[in-house]
């Protein structure tokens, strides 16, 4: 009888490092997932979430840069 793996909770640091191994170090998702004993599906989900978060933060930064430039022109 096959038993289901109990659902594990991973820290944000663990997830970030796992994603970094794929995105920055060039390891395959399958390799990293096997080495860290997580499912490839989970790793793909972490990558997708972190890319979305990066996109959101980048947009917020760009808006703040534009606002800072605007207010600098208004006060100067």
PDB file of N, CA and C in Angstrom:
ATOM      1  N   UNK A   1       0.835  -1.191   0.000  1.00  0.00           N
ATOM      2  CA  UNK A   1       0.000   0.000   0.000  1.00  0.00           C
ATOM      3  C   UNK A   1       0.875   1.249   0.000  1.00  0.00           C
ATOM      4  N   UNK A   2       0.566   2.160  -0.887  1.00  0.00           N
ATOM      5  CA  UNK A   2       1.350   3.377  -0.989  1.00  0.00           C
ATOM      6  C   UNK A   2       0.842   4.393   0.029  1.00  0.00           C
ATOM      7  N   UNK A   3       1.765   5.019   0.722  1.00  0.00           N
ATOM      8  CA  UNK A   3       1.363   6.044   1.683  1.00  0.00           C
ATOM      9  C   UNK A   3       1.678   7.410   1.108  1.00  0.00           C
ATOM     10  N   UNK A   4       0.816   8.340   1.374  1.00  0.00           N
ATOM     11  CA  UNK A   4       1.031   9.708   0.919  1.00  0.00           C
ATOM     12  C   UNK A   4       2.048  10.378   1.830  1.00  0.00           C
ATOM     13  N   UNK A   5       2.901  11.147   1.229  1.00  0.00           N
ATOM     14  CA  UNK A   5       3.867  11.921   1.999  1.00  0.00           C
ATOM     15  C   UNK A   5       3.101  12.998   2.765  1.00  0.00           C
ATOM     16  N   UNK A   6       3.400  13.152   4.021  1.00  0.00           N
ATOM     17  CA  UNK A   6       2.707  14.185   4.787  1.00  0.00           C
ATOM     18  C   UNK A   6       3.110  15.552   4.236  1.00  0.00           C
ATOM     19  N   UNK A   7       2.171  16.460   4.269  1.00  0.00           N
ATOM     20  CA  UNK A   7       2.440  17.784   3.722  1.00  0.00           C
ATOM     21  C   UNK A   7       3.454  18.496   4.602  1.00  0.00           C
ATOM     22  N   UNK A   8       4.549  18.913   3.970  1.00  0.00           N
ATOM     23  CA  UNK A   8       5.607  19.596   4.693  1.00  0.00           C
ATOM     24  C   UNK A   8       5.472  21.094   4.497  1.00  0.00           C
ATOM     25  N   UNK A   9       5.932  21.821   5.479  1.00  0.00           N
ATOM     26  CA  UNK A   9       5.973  23.267   5.396  1.00  0.00           C
ATOM     27  C   UNK A   9       7.442  23.658   5.301  1.00  0.00           C
ATOM     28  N   UNK A  10       7.766  24.477   4.327  1.00  0.00           N
ATOM     29  CA  UNK A  10       9.141  24.913   4.125  1.00  0.00           C
ATOM     30  C   UNK A  10       9.246  26.400   4.418  1.00  0.00           C
ATOM     31  N   UNK A  11      10.379  26.802   4.966  1.00  0.00           N
ATOM     32  CA  UNK A  11      10.589  28.216   5.269  1.00  0.00           C
ATOM     33  C   UNK A  11      10.773  28.999   3.976  1.00  0.00           C
ATOM     34  N   UNK A  12      10.559  30.299   4.046  1.00  0.00           N
ATOM     35  CA  UNK A  12      10.770  31.152   2.883  1.00  0.00           C
ATOM     36  C   UNK A  12      12.224  31.095   2.437  1.00  0.00           C
ATOM     37  N   UNK A  13      13.151  31.014   3.403  1.00  0.00           N
ATOM     38  CA  UNK A  13      14.571  30.929   3.056  1.00  0.00           C
ATOM     39  C   UNK A  13      14.865  29.662   2.257  1.00  0.00           C
ATOM     40  N   UNK A  14      14.254  28.544   2.663  1.00  0.00           N
ATOM     41  CA  UNK A  14      14.436  27.279   1.960  1.00  0.00           C
ATOM     42  C   UNK A  14      13.917  27.398   0.528  1.00  0.00           C
ATOM     43  N   UNK A  15      12.717  27.948   0.394  1.00  0.00           N
ATOM     44  CA  UNK A  15      12.113  28.096  -0.932  1.00  0.00           C
ATOM     45  C   UNK A  15      12.949  29.010  -1.819  1.00  0.00           C
ATOM     46  N   UNK A  16      13.402  30.121  -1.256  1.00  0.00           N
ATOM     47  CA  UNK A  16      14.200  31.071  -2.015  1.00  0.00           C
ATOM     48  C   UNK A  16      15.504  30.440  -2.489  1.00  0.00           C
ATOM     49  N   UNK A  17      16.147  29.693  -1.611  1.00  0.00           N
ATOM     50  CA  UNK A  17      17.396  29.031  -1.986  1.00  0.00           C
ATOM     51  C   UNK A  17      17.155  27.972  -3.053  1.00  0.00           C
ATOM     52  N   UNK A  18      16.067  27.243  -2.951  1.00  0.00           N
ATOM     53  CA  UNK A  18      15.734  26.242  -3.967  1.00  0.00           C
ATOM     54  C   UNK A  18      15.528  26.910  -5.321  1.00  0.00           C
ATOM     55  N   UNK A  19      14.790  28.010  -5.342  1.00  0.00           N
ATOM     56  CA  UNK A  19      14.548  28.746  -6.585  1.00  0.00           C
ATOM     57  C   UNK A  19      15.862  29.302  -7.129  1.00  0.00           C
ATOM     58  N   UNK A  20      16.704  29.809  -6.247  1.00  0.00           N
ATOM     59  CA  UNK A  20      17.996  30.370  -6.660  1.00  0.00           C
ATOM     60  C   UNK A  20      18.858  29.307  -7.358  1.00  0.00           C
ATOM     61  N   UNK A  21      18.795  28.082  -6.873  1.00  0.00           N
ATOM     62  CA  UNK A  21      19.575  27.010  -7.488  1.00  0.00           C
ATOM     63  C   UNK A  21      19.150  26.779  -8.936  1.00  0.00           C
ATOM     64  N   UNK A  22      17.878  27.005  -9.216  1.00  0.00           N
ATOM     65  CA  UNK A  22      17.373  26.836 -10.585  1.00  0.00           C
ATOM     66  C   UNK A  22      17.651  28.085 -11.414  1.00  0.00           C
ATOM     67  N   UNK A  23      17.282  29.248 -10.892  1.00  0.00           N
ATOM     68  CA  UNK A  23      17.321  30.473 -11.692  1.00  0.00           C
ATOM     69  C   UNK A  23      18.708  31.086 -11.822  1.00  0.00           C
ATOM     70  N   UNK A  24      19.541  30.967 -10.793  1.00  0.00           N
ATOM     71  CA  UNK A  24      20.851  31.615 -10.836  1.00  0.00           C
ATOM     72  C   UNK A  24      21.993  30.642 -11.082  1.00  0.00           C
ATOM     73  N   UNK A  25      21.854  29.437 -10.593  1.00  0.00           N
ATOM     74  CA  UNK A  25      22.960  28.478 -10.704  1.00  0.00           C
ATOM     75  C   UNK A  25      22.794  27.513 -11.862  1.00  0.00           C
ATOM     76  N   UNK A  26      21.637  27.548 -12.520  1.00  0.00           N
ATOM     77  CA  UNK A  26      21.445  26.776 -13.729  1.00  0.00           C
ATOM     78  C   UNK A  26      21.132  25.302 -13.554  1.00  0.00           C
ATOM     79  N   UNK A  27      20.783  24.886 -12.337  1.00  0.00           N
ATOM     80  CA  UNK A  27      20.414  23.484 -12.132  1.00  0.00           C
ATOM     81  C   UNK A  27      18.988  23.265 -12.638  1.00  0.00           C
ATOM     82  N   UNK A  28      18.686  22.048 -13.047  1.00  0.00           N
ATOM     83  CA  UNK A  28      17.337  21.761 -13.534  1.00  0.00           C
ATOM     84  C   UNK A  28      16.369  21.641 -12.355  1.00  0.00           C
ATOM     85  N   UNK A  29      15.103  21.898 -12.640  1.00  0.00           N
ATOM     86  CA  UNK A  29      14.072  21.773 -11.611  1.00  0.00           C
ATOM     87  C   UNK A  29      14.053  20.347 -11.075  1.00  0.00           C
ATOM     88  N   UNK A  30      14.126  19.366 -11.972  1.00  0.00           N
ATOM     89  CA  UNK A  30      14.079  17.964 -11.551  1.00  0.00           C
ATOM     90  C   UNK A  30      15.240  17.625 -10.620  1.00  0.00           C
ATOM     91  N   UNK A  31      16.429  18.122 -10.950  1.00  0.00           N
ATOM     92  CA  UNK A  31      17.620  17.854 -10.133  1.00  0.00           C
ATOM     93  C   UNK A  31      17.485  18.467  -8.742  1.00  0.00           C
ATOM     94  N   UNK A  32      17.093  19.719  -8.682  1.00  0.00           N
ATOM     95  CA  UNK A  32      16.958  20.410  -7.397  1.00  0.00           C
ATOM     96  C   UNK A  32      15.843  19.777  -6.566  1.00  0.00           C
ATOM     97  N   UNK A  33      14.728  19.477  -7.208  1.00  0.00           N
ATOM     98  CA  UNK A  33      13.602  18.863  -6.497  1.00  0.00           C
ATOM     99  C   UNK A  33      14.014  17.525  -5.894  1.00  0.00           C
ATOM    100  N   UNK A  34      14.729  16.712  -6.657  1.00  0.00           N
ATOM    101  CA  UNK A  34      15.161  15.409  -6.151  1.00  0.00           C
ATOM    102  C   UNK A  34      16.152  15.569  -5.001  1.00  0.00           C
ATOM    103  N   UNK A  35      17.095  16.478  -5.174  1.00  0.00           N
ATOM    104  CA  UNK A  35      18.125  16.684  -4.146  1.00  0.00           C
ATOM    105  C   UNK A  35      17.524  17.198  -2.835  1.00  0.00           C
ATOM    106  N   UNK A  36      16.508  18.058  -2.938  1.00  0.00           N
ATOM    107  CA  UNK A  36      15.909  18.653  -1.740  1.00  0.00           C
ATOM    108  C   UNK A  36      14.677  17.891  -1.247  1.00  0.00           C
ATOM    109  N   UNK A  37      14.315  16.835  -1.962  1.00  0.00           N
ATOM    110  CA  UNK A  37      13.164  16.007  -1.598  1.00  0.00           C
ATOM    111  C   UNK A  37      11.867  16.807  -1.563  1.00  0.00           C
ATOM    112  N   UNK A  38      11.661  17.584  -2.631  1.00  0.00           N
ATOM    113  CA  UNK A  38      10.392  18.298  -2.825  1.00  0.00           C
ATOM    114  C   UNK A  38       9.871  17.924  -4.206  1.00  0.00           C
ATOM    115  N   UNK A  39       8.613  18.144  -4.443  1.00  0.00           N
ATOM    116  CA  UNK A  39       8.066  17.808  -5.760  1.00  0.00           C
ATOM    117  C   UNK A  39       8.445  18.892  -6.765  1.00  0.00           C
ATOM    118  N   UNK A  40       8.595  18.489  -8.001  1.00  0.00           N
ATOM    119  CA  UNK A  40       8.866  19.453  -9.072  1.00  0.00           C
ATOM    120  C   UNK A  40       7.724  20.455  -9.170  1.00  0.00           C
ATOM    121  N   UNK A  41       6.510  19.979  -8.944  1.00  0.00           N
ATOM    122  CA  UNK A  41       5.336  20.857  -8.981  1.00  0.00           C
ATOM    123  C   UNK A  41       5.483  21.983  -7.952  1.00  0.00           C
ATOM    124  N   UNK A  42       5.898  21.639  -6.738  1.00  0.00           N
ATOM    125  CA  UNK A  42       6.088  22.657  -5.697  1.00  0.00           C
ATOM    126  C   UNK A  42       7.155  23.656  -6.112  1.00  0.00           C
ATOM    127  N   UNK A  43       8.256  23.153  -6.639  1.00  0.00           N
ATOM    128  CA  UNK A  43       9.351  24.028  -7.035  1.00  0.00           C
ATOM    129  C   UNK A  43       8.919  24.972  -8.160  1.00  0.00           C
ATOM    130  N   UNK A  44       8.189  24.457  -9.136  1.00  0.00           N
ATOM    131  CA  UNK A  44       7.668  25.334 -10.195  1.00  0.00           C
ATOM    132  C   UNK A  44       6.732  26.398  -9.612  1.00  0.00           C
ATOM    133  N   UNK A  45       5.920  26.026  -8.641  1.00  0.00           N
ATOM    134  CA  UNK A  45       5.001  26.984  -8.008  1.00  0.00           C
ATOM    135  C   UNK A  45       5.781  28.065  -7.261  1.00  0.00           C
ATOM    136  N   UNK A  46       6.851  27.675  -6.578  1.00  0.00           N
ATOM    137  CA  UNK A  46       7.674  28.656  -5.867  1.00  0.00           C
ATOM    138  C   UNK A  46       8.319  29.620  -6.850  1.00  0.00           C
ATOM    139  N   UNK A  47       8.815  29.097  -7.964  1.00  0.00           N
ATOM    140  CA  UNK A  47       9.437  29.946  -8.981  1.00  0.00           C
ATOM    141  C   UNK A  47       8.408  30.937  -9.515  1.00  0.00           C
ATOM    142  N   UNK A  48       7.220  30.457  -9.831  1.00  0.00           N
ATOM    143  CA  UNK A  48       6.164  31.316 -10.368  1.00  0.00           C
ATOM    144  C   UNK A  48       5.792  32.405  -9.367  1.00  0.00           C
ATOM    145  N   UNK A  49       5.647  32.034  -8.090  1.00  0.00           N
ATOM    146  CA  UNK A  49       5.273  33.007  -7.067  1.00  0.00           C
ATOM    147  C   UNK A  49       6.358  34.061  -6.874  1.00  0.00           C
ATOM    148  N   UNK A  50       7.612  33.626  -6.836  1.00  0.00           N
ATOM    149  CA  UNK A  50       8.691  34.584  -6.626  1.00  0.00           C
ATOM    150  C   UNK A  50       8.877  35.508  -7.830  1.00  0.00           C
ATOM    151  N   UNK A  51       8.648  34.989  -9.035  1.00  0.00           N
ATOM    152  CA  UNK A  51       8.719  35.861 -10.222  1.00  0.00           C
ATOM    153  C   UNK A  51       7.602  36.900 -10.189  1.00  0.00           C
ATOM    154  N   UNK A  52       6.413  36.490  -9.762  1.00  0.00           N
ATOM    155  CA  UNK A  52       5.289  37.432  -9.659  1.00  0.00           C
ATOM    156  C   UNK A  52       5.576  38.488  -8.598  1.00  0.00           C
ATOM    157  N   UNK A  53       6.157  38.055  -7.485  1.00  0.00           N
ATOM    158  CA  UNK A  53       6.496  38.996  -6.415  1.00  0.00           C
ATOM    159  C   UNK A  53       7.565  39.982  -6.891  1.00  0.00           C
ATOM    160  N   UNK A  54       8.559  39.495  -7.624  1.00  0.00           N
ATOM    161  CA  UNK A  54       9.600  40.362  -8.162  1.00  0.00           C
ATOM    162  C   UNK A  54       8.990  41.392  -9.114  1.00  0.00           C
ATOM    163  N   UNK A  55       8.076  40.955  -9.953  1.00  0.00           N
ATOM    164  CA  UNK A  55       7.406  41.861 -10.892  1.00  0.00           C
ATOM    165  C   UNK A  55       6.644  42.955 -10.128  1.00  0.00           C
ATOM    166  N   UNK A  56       5.913  42.556  -9.084  1.00  0.00           N
ATOM    167  CA  UNK A  56       5.135  43.518  -8.295  1.00  0.00           C
ATOM    168  C   UNK A  56       6.046  44.537  -7.620  1.00  0.00           C
ATOM    169  N   UNK A  57       7.130  44.074  -7.025  1.00  0.00           N
ATOM    170  CA  UNK A  57       8.054  44.961  -6.320  1.00  0.00           C
ATOM    171  C   UNK A  57       8.760  45.890  -7.302  1.00  0.00           C
ATOM    172  N   UNK A  58       9.102  45.374  -8.463  1.00  0.00           N
ATOM    173  CA  UNK A  58       9.750  46.195  -9.485  1.00  0.00           C
ATOM    174  C   UNK A  58       8.814  47.310  -9.953  1.00  0.00           C
ATOM    175  N   UNK A  59       7.545  46.985 -10.150  1.00  0.00           N
ATOM    176  CA  UNK A  59       6.576  48.013 -10.538  1.00  0.00           C
ATOM    177  C   UNK A  59       6.426  49.066  -9.445  1.00  0.00           C
ATOM    178  N   UNK A  60       6.367  48.638  -8.199  1.00  0.00           N
ATOM    179  CA  UNK A  60       6.246  49.586  -7.082  1.00  0.00           C
ATOM    180  C   UNK A  60       7.463  50.509  -7.029  1.00  0.00           C
ATOM    181  N   UNK A  61       8.649  49.941  -7.232  1.00  0.00           N
ATOM    182  CA  UNK A  61       9.871  50.740  -7.235  1.00  0.00           C
ATOM    183  C   UNK A  61       9.838  51.781  -8.343  1.00  0.00           C
ATOM    184  N   UNK A  62       9.403  51.367  -9.527  1.00  0.00           N
ATOM    185  CA  UNK A  62       9.346  52.287 -10.660  1.00  0.00           C
ATOM    186  C   UNK A  62       8.376  53.434 -10.401  1.00  0.00           C
ATOM    187  N   UNK A  63       7.246  53.126  -9.777  1.00  0.00           N
ATOM    188  CA  UNK A  63       6.268  54.169  -9.438  1.00  0.00           C
ATOM    189  C   UNK A  63       6.871  55.149  -8.439  1.00  0.00           C
ATOM    190  N   UNK A  64       7.566  54.628  -7.444  1.00  0.00           N
ATOM    191  CA  UNK A  64       8.190  55.501  -6.446  1.00  0.00           C
ATOM    192  C   UNK A  64       9.284  56.377  -7.060  1.00  0.00           C
ATOM    193  N   UNK A  65      10.045  55.833  -7.999  1.00  0.00           N
ATOM    194  CA  UNK A  65      11.074  56.621  -8.678  1.00  0.00           C
ATOM    195  C   UNK A  65      10.442  57.778  -9.437  1.00  0.00           C
ATOM    196  N   UNK A  66       9.339  57.491 -10.136  1.00  0.00           N
ATOM    197  CA  UNK A  66       8.655  58.531 -10.897  1.00  0.00           C
ATOM    198  C   UNK A  66       8.073  59.595  -9.966  1.00  0.00           C
ATOM    199  N   UNK A  67       7.526  59.155  -8.844  1.00  0.00           N
ATOM    200  CA  UNK A  67       6.960  60.109  -7.882  1.00  0.00           C
ATOM    201  C   UNK A  67       8.073  60.978  -7.287  1.00  0.00           C
ATOM    202  N   UNK A  68       9.191  60.375  -6.972  1.00  0.00           N
ATOM    203  CA  UNK A  68      10.313  61.135  -6.403  1.00  0.00           C
ATOM    204  C   UNK A  68      10.802  62.174  -7.406  1.00  0.00           C
ATOM    205  N   UNK A  69      10.898  61.801  -8.669  1.00  0.00           N
ATOM    206  CA  UNK A  69      11.343  62.744  -9.706  1.00  0.00           C
ATOM    207  C   UNK A  69      10.331  63.872  -9.865  1.00  0.00           C
ATOM    208  N   UNK A  70       9.049  63.537  -9.825  1.00  0.00           N
ATOM    209  CA  UNK A  70       7.996  64.537  -9.951  1.00  0.00           C
ATOM    210  C   UNK A  70       8.080  65.566  -8.825  1.00  0.00           C
ATOM    211  N   UNK A  71       8.179  65.057  -7.579  1.00  0.00           N
ATOM    212  CA  UNK A  71       8.212  65.959  -6.437  1.00  0.00           C
ATOM    213  C   UNK A  71       9.512  66.757  -6.371  1.00  0.00           C
ATOM    214  N   UNK A  72      10.596  66.191  -6.878  1.00  0.00           N
ATOM    215  CA  UNK A  72      11.852  66.928  -6.936  1.00  0.00           C
ATOM    216  C   UNK A  72      11.723  68.111  -7.885  1.00  0.00           C
ATOM    217  N   UNK A  73      11.033  67.909  -9.011  1.00  0.00           N
ATOM    218  CA  UNK A  73      10.807  69.005  -9.970  1.00  0.00           C
ATOM    219  C   UNK A  73       9.885  70.069  -9.367  1.00  0.00           C
ATOM    220  N   UNK A  74       8.885  69.641  -8.619  1.00  0.00           N
ATOM    221  CA  UNK A  74       7.921  70.588  -8.040  1.00  0.00           C
ATOM    222  C   UNK A  74       8.577  71.469  -6.979  1.00  0.00           C
ATOM    223  N   UNK A  75       9.494  70.910  -6.202  1.00  0.00           N
ATOM    224  CA  UNK A  75      10.089  71.684  -5.109  1.00  0.00           C
ATOM    225  C   UNK A  75      11.300  72.485  -5.562  1.00  0.00           C
ATOM    226  N   UNK A  76      11.825  72.157  -6.731  1.00  0.00           N
ATOM    227  CA  UNK A  76      13.047  72.821  -7.189  1.00  0.00           C
ATOM    228  C   UNK A  76      12.759  73.872  -8.140  1.00  0.00           C
TER     229      UNK A  76
END
